[in-house]
Amino acid sequence: MTLTAADEHWMGDAKAVDFTLVVPVYNERDAIEQAVGSLKEIREDAEYEMEIIFVDDGSDDGTKAVLEGIQGEGIRVLSHQENRGYGAALKTGIRAAKGDVVAITDADGTYPAERLPEFLREMRENGYDMVVGARTGPGAVIPTVRRPAKWCLNKLANLLAGRKIPDINSGLRIMTKSALKPFMSILPDGFSFTTTITLAMLTSGYAVKFVPIDYKARIGRSKIRPIYDTLNFVQLICRTTLYFNPLRVFVPLSLLLVLTSVLVLVGSWQWADKIMDVSFGVILMSGVIVLTIGLLADLIDKRTR
């Protein structure tokens, strides 16, 4: 069998390392030296062979100069000429990874990256496709301003995914490359990368484990835009669920329309001068149409997998 360039790119030197840690970096001058030092220690102490790939996403604050001086055994630095986004940096690192398992973390000192070897053991011993560090530990420090939006997003994701998701967009996780590969073409370039891969794997039947972790206050300034990014996350959750499990969206909407039509009929019969039969018929047929569209979308989804 002849491998394509893309296949070779994905396979890389799969036996060279047990797992690859990808760290996206953008304007983290205040935190990068501490992050590099702690990740080097983790690599040296790990019982598994581990490589680290830092991906500089077009930093212009001096971060790139610090990174260029750390390359060595088991540590590589890749660079984007301009800022392309958190997800784009992760995808660059994932494609270059030599390991058959890929881990991700941030460079701002918030995540306990020393837990990653533990995640790898959990994955290999129990056959998980992805192990996620859920920021639900007793030492998790979530900024107050982000808690209401995070709670609402998690509830919406739980409803649409059909299972409890402790932390939908944690930036500390470890994944098999074989599970990641089918989704690379749809993973976004922005912060919604982690939300998308969580929903994609859960709704596609992959084995996912959530492990409680602590979460520290970040070093430096956050790149998250609360209102803009929250609205984007809501849109993303709905779109991703529609892509992988459309009935999760269409069936509840159809049932809501059918129930509304019944309430209109009964309410108008009991309390109005005239039965609203036309409104009842229109709303009922809308519910049937929505359900039909959902069934067709589900059929298309199943046939294209």
C-alpha atoms as a PDB file:
ATOM      1  CA  MET A   1       0.000   0.000   0.000  1.00  0.00           C
ATOM      2  CA  THR A   2       1.319   3.443  -0.920  1.00  0.00           C
ATOM      3  CA  LEU A   3       0.933   6.135   1.723  1.00  0.00           C
ATOM      4  CA  THR A   4      -0.109   9.624   0.737  1.00  0.00           C
ATOM      5  CA  ALA A   5       1.781  12.637   2.018  1.00  0.00           C
ATOM      6  CA  ALA A   6      -1.101  13.332   4.414  1.00  0.00           C
ATOM      7  CA  ASP A   7      -0.935   9.780   5.808  1.00  0.00           C
ATOM      8  CA  GLU A   8       2.816  10.035   6.364  1.00  0.00           C
ATOM      9  CA  HIS A   9       2.298  13.420   8.010  1.00  0.00           C
ATOM     10  CA  TRP A  10      -0.186  11.925  10.431  1.00  0.00           C
ATOM     11  CA  MET A  11       1.759   8.762  11.162  1.00  0.00           C
ATOM     12  CA  GLY A  12       5.104  10.466  11.644  1.00  0.00           C
ATOM     13  CA  ASP A  13       7.490   8.481  13.809  1.00  0.00           C
ATOM     14  CA  ALA A  14       4.712   6.996  15.938  1.00  0.00           C
ATOM     15  CA  LYS A  15       7.035   4.732  17.960  1.00  0.00           C
ATOM     16  CA  ALA A  16       9.514   7.459  18.851  1.00  0.00           C
ATOM     17  CA  VAL A  17       7.501   8.741  21.823  1.00  0.00           C
ATOM     18  CA  ASP A  18       4.590   7.599  23.975  1.00  0.00           C
ATOM     19  CA  PHE A  19       2.793  10.897  23.724  1.00  0.00           C
ATOM     20  CA  THR A  20       3.205  14.423  22.417  1.00  0.00           C
ATOM     21  CA  LEU A  21       2.259  17.490  24.445  1.00  0.00           C
ATOM     22  CA  VAL A  22       1.160  20.442  22.295  1.00  0.00           C
ATOM     23  CA  VAL A  23       1.262  23.893  23.907  1.00  0.00           C
ATOM     24  CA  PRO A  24      -0.208  26.828  21.930  1.00  0.00           C
ATOM     25  CA  VAL A  25       1.429  30.127  22.832  1.00  0.00           C
ATOM     26  CA  TYR A  26       0.372  33.673  21.998  1.00  0.00           C
ATOM     27  CA  ASN A  27       1.813  36.718  23.779  1.00  0.00           C
ATOM     28  CA  GLU A  28       2.634  34.908  27.037  1.00  0.00           C
ATOM     29  CA  ARG A  29       5.840  36.792  27.875  1.00  0.00           C
ATOM     30  CA  ASP A  30       4.968  36.973  31.578  1.00  0.00           C
ATOM     31  CA  ALA A  31       4.287  33.245  31.894  1.00  0.00           C
ATOM     32  CA  ILE A  32       6.315  31.444  29.257  1.00  0.00           C
ATOM     33  CA  GLU A  33       9.600  30.986  31.143  1.00  0.00           C
ATOM     34  CA  GLN A  34       7.803  29.495  34.157  1.00  0.00           C
ATOM     35  CA  ALA A  35       5.692  27.293  31.852  1.00  0.00           C
ATOM     36  CA  VAL A  36       8.744  26.026  29.971  1.00  0.00           C
ATOM     37  CA  GLY A  37      10.552  25.223  33.204  1.00  0.00           C
ATOM     38  CA  SER A  38       7.647  23.302  34.734  1.00  0.00           C
ATOM     39  CA  LEU A  39       6.933  21.353  31.528  1.00  0.00           C
ATOM     40  CA  LYS A  40      10.600  20.394  31.212  1.00  0.00           C
ATOM     41  CA  GLU A  41      10.484  19.007  34.744  1.00  0.00           C
ATOM     42  CA  ILE A  42       7.335  17.043  33.927  1.00  0.00           C
ATOM     43  CA  ARG A  43       9.012  15.578  30.861  1.00  0.00           C
ATOM     44  CA  GLU A  44      12.136  14.578  32.796  1.00  0.00           C
ATOM     45  CA  ASP A  45      10.137  12.964  35.617  1.00  0.00           C
ATOM     46  CA  ALA A  46       7.560  11.198  33.436  1.00  0.00           C
ATOM     47  CA  GLU A  47       7.637   7.409  33.298  1.00  0.00           C
ATOM     48  CA  TYR A  48       6.668   7.642  29.626  1.00  0.00           C
ATOM     49  CA  GLU A  49       8.681   8.993  26.706  1.00  0.00           C
ATOM     50  CA  MET A  50       7.245  12.435  26.060  1.00  0.00           C
ATOM     51  CA  GLU A  51       7.902  15.177  23.531  1.00  0.00           C
ATOM     52  CA  ILE A  52       6.775  18.776  23.854  1.00  0.00           C
ATOM     53  CA  ILE A  53       5.808  20.987  20.920  1.00  0.00           C
ATOM     54  CA  PHE A  54       5.371  24.700  21.578  1.00  0.00           C
ATOM     55  CA  VAL A  55       3.457  26.451  18.799  1.00  0.00           C
ATOM     56  CA  ASP A  56       4.029  30.197  18.749  1.00  0.00           C
ATOM     57  CA  ASP A  57       0.905  31.710  17.192  1.00  0.00           C
ATOM     58  CA  GLY A  58       2.400  34.945  15.876  1.00  0.00           C
ATOM     59  CA  SER A  59       3.425  36.454  19.227  1.00  0.00           C
ATOM     60  CA  ASP A  60       4.747  40.028  19.057  1.00  0.00           C
ATOM     61  CA  ASP A  61       5.660  40.641  22.719  1.00  0.00           C
ATOM     62  CA  GLY A  62       9.003  38.826  22.904  1.00  0.00           C
ATOM     63  CA  THR A  63       7.558  35.373  23.585  1.00  0.00           C
ATOM     64  CA  LYS A  64       8.957  33.982  20.353  1.00  0.00           C
ATOM     65  CA  ALA A  65      12.543  34.899  21.300  1.00  0.00           C
ATOM     66  CA  VAL A  66      12.216  32.987  24.582  1.00  0.00           C
ATOM     67  CA  LEU A  67      10.857  29.927  22.801  1.00  0.00           C
ATOM     68  CA  GLU A  68      13.579  29.896  20.164  1.00  0.00           C
ATOM     69  CA  GLY A  69      16.165  29.400  22.882  1.00  0.00           C
ATOM     70  CA  ILE A  70      14.629  26.265  24.425  1.00  0.00           C
ATOM     71  CA  GLN A  71      14.664  23.784  21.553  1.00  0.00           C
ATOM     72  CA  GLY A  72      16.530  20.603  22.354  1.00  0.00           C
ATOM     73  CA  GLU A  73      16.040  16.939  22.990  1.00  0.00           C
ATOM     74  CA  GLY A  74      12.333  16.167  23.110  1.00  0.00           C
ATOM     75  CA  ILE A  75      11.338  19.821  22.719  1.00  0.00           C
ATOM     76  CA  ARG A  76      10.367  21.504  19.454  1.00  0.00           C
ATOM     77  CA  VAL A  77       9.117  24.976  18.599  1.00  0.00           C
ATOM     78  CA  LEU A  78       6.870  25.692  15.614  1.00  0.00           C
ATOM     79  CA  SER A  79       5.812  29.173  14.570  1.00  0.00           C
ATOM     80  CA  HIS A  80       2.998  30.909  12.725  1.00  0.00           C
ATOM     81  CA  GLN A  81       4.018  34.067  10.919  1.00  0.00           C
ATOM     82  CA  GLU A  82       0.780  35.719  12.054  1.00  0.00           C
ATOM     83  CA  ASN A  83      -1.840  35.083  14.718  1.00  0.00           C
ATOM     84  CA  ARG A  84      -4.202  32.391  13.412  1.00  0.00           C
ATOM     85  CA  GLY A  85      -5.997  31.335  16.580  1.00  0.00           C
ATOM     86  CA  TYR A  86      -5.844  28.874  19.468  1.00  0.00           C
ATOM     87  CA  GLY A  87      -7.308  25.997  17.461  1.00  0.00           C
ATOM     88  CA  ALA A  88      -5.046  26.640  14.487  1.00  0.00           C
ATOM     89  CA  ALA A  89      -1.996  26.445  16.754  1.00  0.00           C
ATOM     90  CA  LEU A  90      -3.214  23.169  18.233  1.00  0.00           C
ATOM     91  CA  LYS A  91      -3.798  21.674  14.788  1.00  0.00           C
ATOM     92  CA  THR A  92      -0.309  22.665  13.683  1.00  0.00           C
ATOM     93  CA  GLY A  93       1.165  20.898  16.704  1.00  0.00           C
ATOM     94  CA  ILE A  94      -1.078  17.834  16.346  1.00  0.00           C
ATOM     95  CA  ARG A  95      -0.116  17.338  12.712  1.00  0.00           C
ATOM     96  CA  ALA A  96       3.567  17.520  13.628  1.00  0.00           C
ATOM     97  CA  ALA A  97       3.270  15.186  16.636  1.00  0.00           C
ATOM     98  CA  LYS A  98       5.362  12.010  16.584  1.00  0.00           C
ATOM     99  CA  GLY A  99       3.373  10.201  19.268  1.00  0.00           C
ATOM    100  CA  ASP A 100       0.205   8.219  18.619  1.00  0.00           C
ATOM    101  CA  VAL A 101      -1.349  10.044  21.588  1.00  0.00           C
ATOM    102  CA  VAL A 102      -1.594  13.843  21.790  1.00  0.00           C
ATOM    103  CA  ALA A 103      -2.029  15.969  24.909  1.00  0.00           C
ATOM    104  CA  ILE A 104      -2.757  19.689  25.099  1.00  0.00           C
ATOM    105  CA  THR A 105      -2.350  22.317  27.802  1.00  0.00           C
ATOM    106  CA  ASP A 106      -1.999  26.096  28.037  1.00  0.00           C
ATOM    107  CA  ALA A 107       1.125  28.162  28.644  1.00  0.00           C
ATOM    108  CA  ASP A 108      -0.426  30.479  31.227  1.00  0.00           C
ATOM    109  CA  GLY A 109       0.152  28.325  34.318  1.00  0.00           C
ATOM    110  CA  THR A 110      -3.536  27.541  34.945  1.00  0.00           C
ATOM    111  CA  TYR A 111      -3.629  23.780  34.325  1.00  0.00           C
ATOM    112  CA  PRO A 112      -1.865  21.034  36.350  1.00  0.00           C
ATOM    113  CA  ALA A 113       0.015  19.538  33.395  1.00  0.00           C
ATOM    114  CA  GLU A 114       1.805  17.160  35.779  1.00  0.00           C
ATOM    115  CA  ARG A 115      -1.420  15.097  35.732  1.00  0.00           C
ATOM    116  CA  LEU A 116      -0.946  14.146  32.065  1.00  0.00           C
ATOM    117  CA  PRO A 117       1.101  10.951  32.687  1.00  0.00           C
ATOM    118  CA  GLU A 118      -1.745   9.866  34.982  1.00  0.00           C
ATOM    119  CA  PHE A 119      -4.218  10.589  32.153  1.00  0.00           C
ATOM    120  CA  LEU A 120      -2.149   8.433  29.797  1.00  0.00           C
ATOM    121  CA  ARG A 121      -2.228   5.517  32.245  1.00  0.00           C
ATOM    122  CA  GLU A 122      -5.979   5.913  32.598  1.00  0.00           C
ATOM    123  CA  MET A 123      -6.368   5.932  28.821  1.00  0.00           C
ATOM    124  CA  ARG A 124      -4.263   2.849  28.181  1.00  0.00           C
ATOM    125  CA  GLU A 125      -5.549   0.779  31.080  1.00  0.00           C
ATOM    126  CA  ASN A 126      -9.222   1.410  30.318  1.00  0.00           C
ATOM    127  CA  GLY A 127      -9.253   1.955  26.546  1.00  0.00           C
ATOM    128  CA  TYR A 128     -10.406   5.580  26.519  1.00  0.00           C
ATOM    129  CA  ASP A 129     -10.139   7.665  23.350  1.00  0.00           C
ATOM    130  CA  MET A 130      -9.911  10.917  25.317  1.00  0.00           C
ATOM    131  CA  VAL A 131      -9.289  11.826  28.957  1.00  0.00           C
ATOM    132  CA  VAL A 132     -10.257  15.379  29.938  1.00  0.00           C
ATOM    133  CA  GLY A 133      -9.228  17.353  32.997  1.00  0.00           C
ATOM    134  CA  ALA A 134     -12.520  18.749  34.305  1.00  0.00           C
ATOM    135  CA  ARG A 135     -12.073  21.959  36.307  1.00  0.00           C
ATOM    136  CA  THR A 136     -14.245  20.719  39.177  1.00  0.00           C
ATOM    137  CA  GLY A 137     -11.574  19.978  41.778  1.00  0.00           C
ATOM    138  CA  PRO A 138     -11.579  21.690  45.199  1.00  0.00           C
ATOM    139  CA  GLY A 139      -8.760  23.991  44.072  1.00  0.00           C
ATOM    140  CA  ALA A 140     -10.375  25.098  40.820  1.00  0.00           C
ATOM    141  CA  VAL A 141     -10.412  28.892  40.566  1.00  0.00           C
ATOM    142  CA  ILE A 142     -12.936  29.945  37.900  1.00  0.00           C
ATOM    143  CA  PRO A 143     -13.255  33.743  37.458  1.00  0.00           C
ATOM    144  CA  THR A 144     -16.634  34.885  38.835  1.00  0.00           C
ATOM    145  CA  VAL A 145     -17.516  36.794  35.675  1.00  0.00           C
ATOM    146  CA  ARG A 146     -17.243  33.584  33.616  1.00  0.00           C
ATOM    147  CA  ARG A 147     -19.245  31.276  35.905  1.00  0.00           C
ATOM    148  CA  PRO A 148     -22.836  32.125  34.761  1.00  0.00           C
ATOM    149  CA  ALA A 149     -21.974  31.721  31.068  1.00  0.00           C
ATOM    150  CA  LYS A 150     -20.012  28.528  31.764  1.00  0.00           C
ATOM    151  CA  TRP A 151     -22.924  27.051  33.734  1.00  0.00           C
ATOM    152  CA  CYS A 152     -25.441  27.844  30.960  1.00  0.00           C
ATOM    153  CA  LEU A 153     -23.156  26.444  28.253  1.00  0.00           C
ATOM    154  CA  ASN A 154     -22.631  23.215  30.178  1.00  0.00           C
ATOM    155  CA  LYS A 155     -26.376  22.762  30.747  1.00  0.00           C
ATOM    156  CA  LEU A 156     -27.090  23.317  27.049  1.00  0.00           C
ATOM    157  CA  ALA A 157     -24.310  20.919  26.058  1.00  0.00           C
ATOM    158  CA  ASN A 158     -25.586  18.283  28.516  1.00  0.00           C
ATOM    159  CA  LEU A 159     -29.064  18.520  27.009  1.00  0.00           C
ATOM    160  CA  LEU A 160     -27.923  18.262  23.419  1.00  0.00           C
ATOM    161  CA  ALA A 161     -25.242  15.616  23.988  1.00  0.00           C
ATOM    162  CA  GLY A 162     -27.512  13.449  26.115  1.00  0.00           C
ATOM    163  CA  ARG A 163     -25.030  13.013  28.972  1.00  0.00           C
ATOM    164  CA  LYS A 164     -23.422  14.977  31.776  1.00  0.00           C
ATOM    165  CA  ILE A 165     -20.378  16.940  30.653  1.00  0.00           C
ATOM    166  CA  PRO A 166     -18.453  18.227  33.704  1.00  0.00           C
ATOM    167  CA  ASP A 167     -16.291  20.590  31.641  1.00  0.00           C
ATOM    168  CA  ILE A 168     -16.916  21.017  27.942  1.00  0.00           C
ATOM    169  CA  ASN A 169     -13.997  23.281  27.042  1.00  0.00           C
ATOM    170  CA  SER A 170     -11.144  22.309  29.336  1.00  0.00           C
ATOM    171  CA  GLY A 171      -7.741  22.982  27.795  1.00  0.00           C
ATOM    172  CA  LEU A 172      -6.052  20.048  29.549  1.00  0.00           C
ATOM    173  CA  ARG A 173      -6.733  16.719  27.865  1.00  0.00           C
ATOM    174  CA  ILE A 174      -5.111  13.753  26.182  1.00  0.00           C
ATOM    175  CA  MET A 175      -6.447  12.106  23.003  1.00  0.00           C
ATOM    176  CA  THR A 176      -5.524   9.306  20.631  1.00  0.00           C
ATOM    177  CA  LYS A 177      -4.499  10.535  17.225  1.00  0.00           C
ATOM    178  CA  SER A 178      -6.706   7.911  15.565  1.00  0.00           C
ATOM    179  CA  ALA A 179      -9.771   9.408  17.306  1.00  0.00           C
ATOM    180  CA  LEU A 180      -8.745  12.962  16.394  1.00  0.00           C
ATOM    181  CA  LYS A 181      -8.060  12.325  12.720  1.00  0.00           C
ATOM    182  CA  PRO A 182     -11.699  12.070  11.456  1.00  0.00           C
ATOM    183  CA  PHE A 183     -12.529  15.475  12.945  1.00  0.00           C
ATOM    184  CA  MET A 184      -9.500  17.534  11.917  1.00  0.00           C
ATOM    185  CA  SER A 185     -11.255  19.051   8.900  1.00  0.00           C
ATOM    186  CA  ILE A 186     -14.111  20.472  11.009  1.00  0.00           C
ATOM    187  CA  LEU A 187     -12.203  21.597  14.094  1.00  0.00           C
ATOM    188  CA  PRO A 188     -12.221  25.421  14.270  1.00  0.00           C
ATOM    189  CA  ASP A 189      -9.199  27.701  14.459  1.00  0.00           C
ATOM    190  CA  GLY A 190     -10.431  29.627  17.497  1.00  0.00           C
ATOM    191  CA  PHE A 191     -11.070  28.928  21.186  1.00  0.00           C
ATOM    192  CA  SER A 192     -13.999  26.649  20.311  1.00  0.00           C
ATOM    193  CA  PHE A 193     -11.577  23.872  19.314  1.00  0.00           C
ATOM    194  CA  THR A 194     -11.946  22.149  22.699  1.00  0.00           C
ATOM    195  CA  THR A 195     -15.745  22.476  22.791  1.00  0.00           C
ATOM    196  CA  THR A 196     -16.006  21.021  19.304  1.00  0.00           C
ATOM    197  CA  ILE A 197     -13.774  18.002  19.915  1.00  0.00           C
ATOM    198  CA  THR A 198     -15.627  17.238  23.180  1.00  0.00           C
ATOM    199  CA  LEU A 199     -19.036  17.228  21.489  1.00  0.00           C
ATOM    200  CA  ALA A 200     -17.727  15.476  18.384  1.00  0.00           C
ATOM    201  CA  MET A 201     -16.315  12.549  20.329  1.00  0.00           C
ATOM    202  CA  LEU A 202     -19.248  12.229  22.730  1.00  0.00           C
ATOM    203  CA  THR A 203     -21.916  12.309  20.012  1.00  0.00           C
ATOM    204  CA  SER A 204     -19.908   9.920  17.823  1.00  0.00           C
ATOM    205  CA  GLY A 205     -19.688   7.221  20.468  1.00  0.00           C
ATOM    206  CA  TYR A 206     -16.029   7.552  21.475  1.00  0.00           C
ATOM    207  CA  ALA A 207     -14.992   6.611  25.021  1.00  0.00           C
ATOM    208  CA  VAL A 208     -14.384   9.816  26.991  1.00  0.00           C
ATOM    209  CA  LYS A 209     -13.347  10.098  30.648  1.00  0.00           C
ATOM    210  CA  PHE A 210     -13.551  13.282  32.751  1.00  0.00           C
ATOM    211  CA  VAL A 211     -11.097  13.551  35.656  1.00  0.00           C
ATOM    212  CA  PRO A 212     -11.456  16.346  38.282  1.00  0.00           C
ATOM    213  CA  ILE A 213      -8.526  18.775  38.357  1.00  0.00           C
ATOM    214  CA  ASP A 214      -7.637  22.041  40.059  1.00  0.00           C
ATOM    215  CA  TYR A 215      -7.401  25.248  38.056  1.00  0.00           C
ATOM    216  CA  LYS A 216      -5.206  28.194  39.041  1.00  0.00           C
ATOM    217  CA  ALA A 217      -5.542  31.887  38.325  1.00  0.00           C
ATOM    218  CA  ARG A 218      -3.717  32.622  35.084  1.00  0.00           C
ATOM    219  CA  ILE A 219      -0.509  34.568  34.731  1.00  0.00           C
ATOM    220  CA  GLY A 220      -0.991  37.554  32.435  1.00  0.00           C
ATOM    221  CA  ARG A 221      -4.112  38.735  30.652  1.00  0.00           C
ATOM    222  CA  SER A 222      -6.814  36.416  29.316  1.00  0.00           C
ATOM    223  CA  LYS A 223      -7.548  36.363  25.566  1.00  0.00           C
ATOM    224  CA  ILE A 224     -11.181  35.344  26.121  1.00  0.00           C
ATOM    225  CA  ARG A 225     -13.848  37.900  25.081  1.00  0.00           C
ATOM    226  CA  PRO A 226     -16.738  36.985  27.448  1.00  0.00           C
ATOM    227  CA  ILE A 227     -19.804  38.131  25.479  1.00  0.00           C
ATOM    228  CA  TYR A 228     -18.542  37.470  21.955  1.00  0.00           C
ATOM    229  CA  ASP A 229     -17.035  34.089  22.755  1.00  0.00           C
ATOM    230  CA  THR A 230     -20.054  32.957  24.811  1.00  0.00           C
ATOM    231  CA  LEU A 231     -22.404  33.667  21.902  1.00  0.00           C
ATOM    232  CA  ASN A 232     -20.028  31.821  19.596  1.00  0.00           C
ATOM    233  CA  PHE A 233     -19.955  28.831  21.963  1.00  0.00           C
ATOM    234  CA  VAL A 234     -23.784  28.627  22.016  1.00  0.00           C
ATOM    235  CA  GLN A 235     -23.882  28.696  18.226  1.00  0.00           C
ATOM    236  CA  LEU A 236     -21.100  26.124  18.079  1.00  0.00           C
ATOM    237  CA  ILE A 237     -22.798  23.699  20.490  1.00  0.00           C
ATOM    238  CA  CYS A 238     -26.006  23.761  18.440  1.00  0.00           C
ATOM    239  CA  ARG A 239     -24.173  23.453  15.127  1.00  0.00           C
ATOM    240  CA  THR A 240     -21.930  20.614  16.274  1.00  0.00           C
ATOM    241  CA  THR A 241     -24.869  18.683  17.718  1.00  0.00           C
ATOM    242  CA  LEU A 242     -26.785  19.171  14.465  1.00  0.00           C
ATOM    243  CA  TYR A 243     -23.778  17.839  12.583  1.00  0.00           C
ATOM    244  CA  PHE A 244     -23.295  14.683  14.649  1.00  0.00           C
ATOM    245  CA  ASN A 245     -26.711  13.987  16.215  1.00  0.00           C
ATOM    246  CA  PRO A 246     -29.429  16.098  14.531  1.00  0.00           C
ATOM    247  CA  LEU A 247     -32.318  14.307  16.244  1.00  0.00           C
ATOM    248  CA  ARG A 248     -31.142  15.748  19.567  1.00  0.00           C
ATOM    249  CA  VAL A 249     -32.192  19.157  18.240  1.00  0.00           C
ATOM    250  CA  PHE A 250     -35.096  18.382  15.901  1.00  0.00           C
ATOM    251  CA  VAL A 251     -37.078  15.938  18.086  1.00  0.00           C
ATOM    252  CA  PRO A 252     -37.422  18.271  21.133  1.00  0.00           C
ATOM    253  CA  LEU A 253     -38.304  21.179  18.830  1.00  0.00           C
ATOM    254  CA  SER A 254     -40.913  19.058  17.047  1.00  0.00           C
ATOM    255  CA  LEU A 255     -42.438  17.887  20.335  1.00  0.00           C
ATOM    256  CA  LEU A 256     -42.546  21.488  21.579  1.00  0.00           C
ATOM    257  CA  LEU A 257     -44.503  22.552  18.458  1.00  0.00           C
ATOM    258  CA  VAL A 258     -46.924  19.623  18.739  1.00  0.00           C
ATOM    259  CA  LEU A 259     -47.528  20.399  22.433  1.00  0.00           C
ATOM    260  CA  THR A 260     -48.072  24.076  21.591  1.00  0.00           C
ATOM    261  CA  SER A 261     -50.629  23.152  18.942  1.00  0.00           C
ATOM    262  CA  VAL A 262     -52.562  21.009  21.450  1.00  0.00           C
ATOM    263  CA  LEU A 263     -52.508  23.827  24.010  1.00  0.00           C
ATOM    264  CA  VAL A 264     -53.803  26.272  21.378  1.00  0.00           C
ATOM    265  CA  LEU A 265     -56.625  23.910  20.442  1.00  0.00           C
ATOM    266  CA  VAL A 266     -57.670  23.113  24.023  1.00  0.00           C
ATOM    267  CA  GLY A 267     -57.221  26.698  25.210  1.00  0.00           C
ATOM    268  CA  SER A 268     -59.303  28.200  22.417  1.00  0.00           C
ATOM    269  CA  TRP A 269     -62.000  25.556  22.882  1.00  0.00           C
ATOM    270  CA  GLN A 270     -62.253  26.221  26.629  1.00  0.00           C
ATOM    271  CA  TRP A 271     -61.782  29.979  26.883  1.00  0.00           C
ATOM    272  CA  ALA A 272     -62.133  31.613  23.447  1.00  0.00           C
ATOM    273  CA  ASP A 273     -65.254  32.404  21.455  1.00  0.00           C
ATOM    274  CA  LYS A 274     -63.937  30.433  18.484  1.00  0.00           C
ATOM    275  CA  ILE A 275     -61.787  27.322  18.187  1.00  0.00           C
ATOM    276  CA  MET A 276     -58.442  28.291  16.626  1.00  0.00           C
ATOM    277  CA  ASP A 277     -58.413  25.351  14.252  1.00  0.00           C
ATOM    278  CA  VAL A 278     -56.286  27.059  11.611  1.00  0.00           C
ATOM    279  CA  SER A 279     -53.583  28.027  14.126  1.00  0.00           C
ATOM    280  CA  PHE A 280     -53.731  24.510  15.550  1.00  0.00           C
ATOM    281  CA  GLY A 281     -53.254  23.001  12.086  1.00  0.00           C
ATOM    282  CA  VAL A 282     -50.379  25.304  11.118  1.00  0.00           C
ATOM    283  CA  ILE A 283     -48.436  24.719  14.341  1.00  0.00           C
ATOM    284  CA  LEU A 284     -49.076  20.956  14.242  1.00  0.00           C
ATOM    285  CA  MET A 285     -47.892  20.683  10.646  1.00  0.00           C
ATOM    286  CA  SER A 286     -44.823  22.755  11.519  1.00  0.00           C
ATOM    287  CA  GLY A 287     -43.981  20.177  14.189  1.00  0.00           C
ATOM    288  CA  VAL A 288     -44.395  17.339  11.680  1.00  0.00           C
ATOM    289  CA  ILE A 289     -42.206  19.143   9.136  1.00  0.00           C
ATOM    290  CA  VAL A 290     -39.479  19.784  11.720  1.00  0.00           C
ATOM    291  CA  LEU A 291     -39.503  16.105  12.687  1.00  0.00           C
ATOM    292  CA  THR A 292     -39.307  15.074   9.021  1.00  0.00           C
ATOM    293  CA  ILE A 293     -36.333  17.371   8.442  1.00  0.00           C
ATOM    294  CA  GLY A 294     -34.653  15.898  11.513  1.00  0.00           C
ATOM    295  CA  LEU A 295     -35.182  12.335  10.284  1.00  0.00           C
ATOM    296  CA  LEU A 296     -33.752  13.245   6.868  1.00  0.00           C
ATOM    297  CA  ALA A 297     -30.757  14.966   8.475  1.00  0.00           C
ATOM    298  CA  ASP A 298     -30.141  11.917  10.657  1.00  0.00           C
ATOM    299  CA  LEU A 299     -30.370   9.622   7.617  1.00  0.00           C
ATOM    300  CA  ILE A 300     -27.857  11.754   5.703  1.00  0.00           C
ATOM    301  CA  ASP A 301     -25.548  11.813   8.727  1.00  0.00           C
ATOM    302  CA  LYS A 302     -25.630   8.014   9.043  1.00  0.00           C
ATOM    303  CA  ARG A 303     -25.058   7.438   5.320  1.00  0.00           C
ATOM    304  CA  THR A 304     -22.020   9.746   5.169  1.00  0.00           C
ATOM    305  CA  ARG A 305     -20.128   8.127   8.058  1.00  0.00           C
END
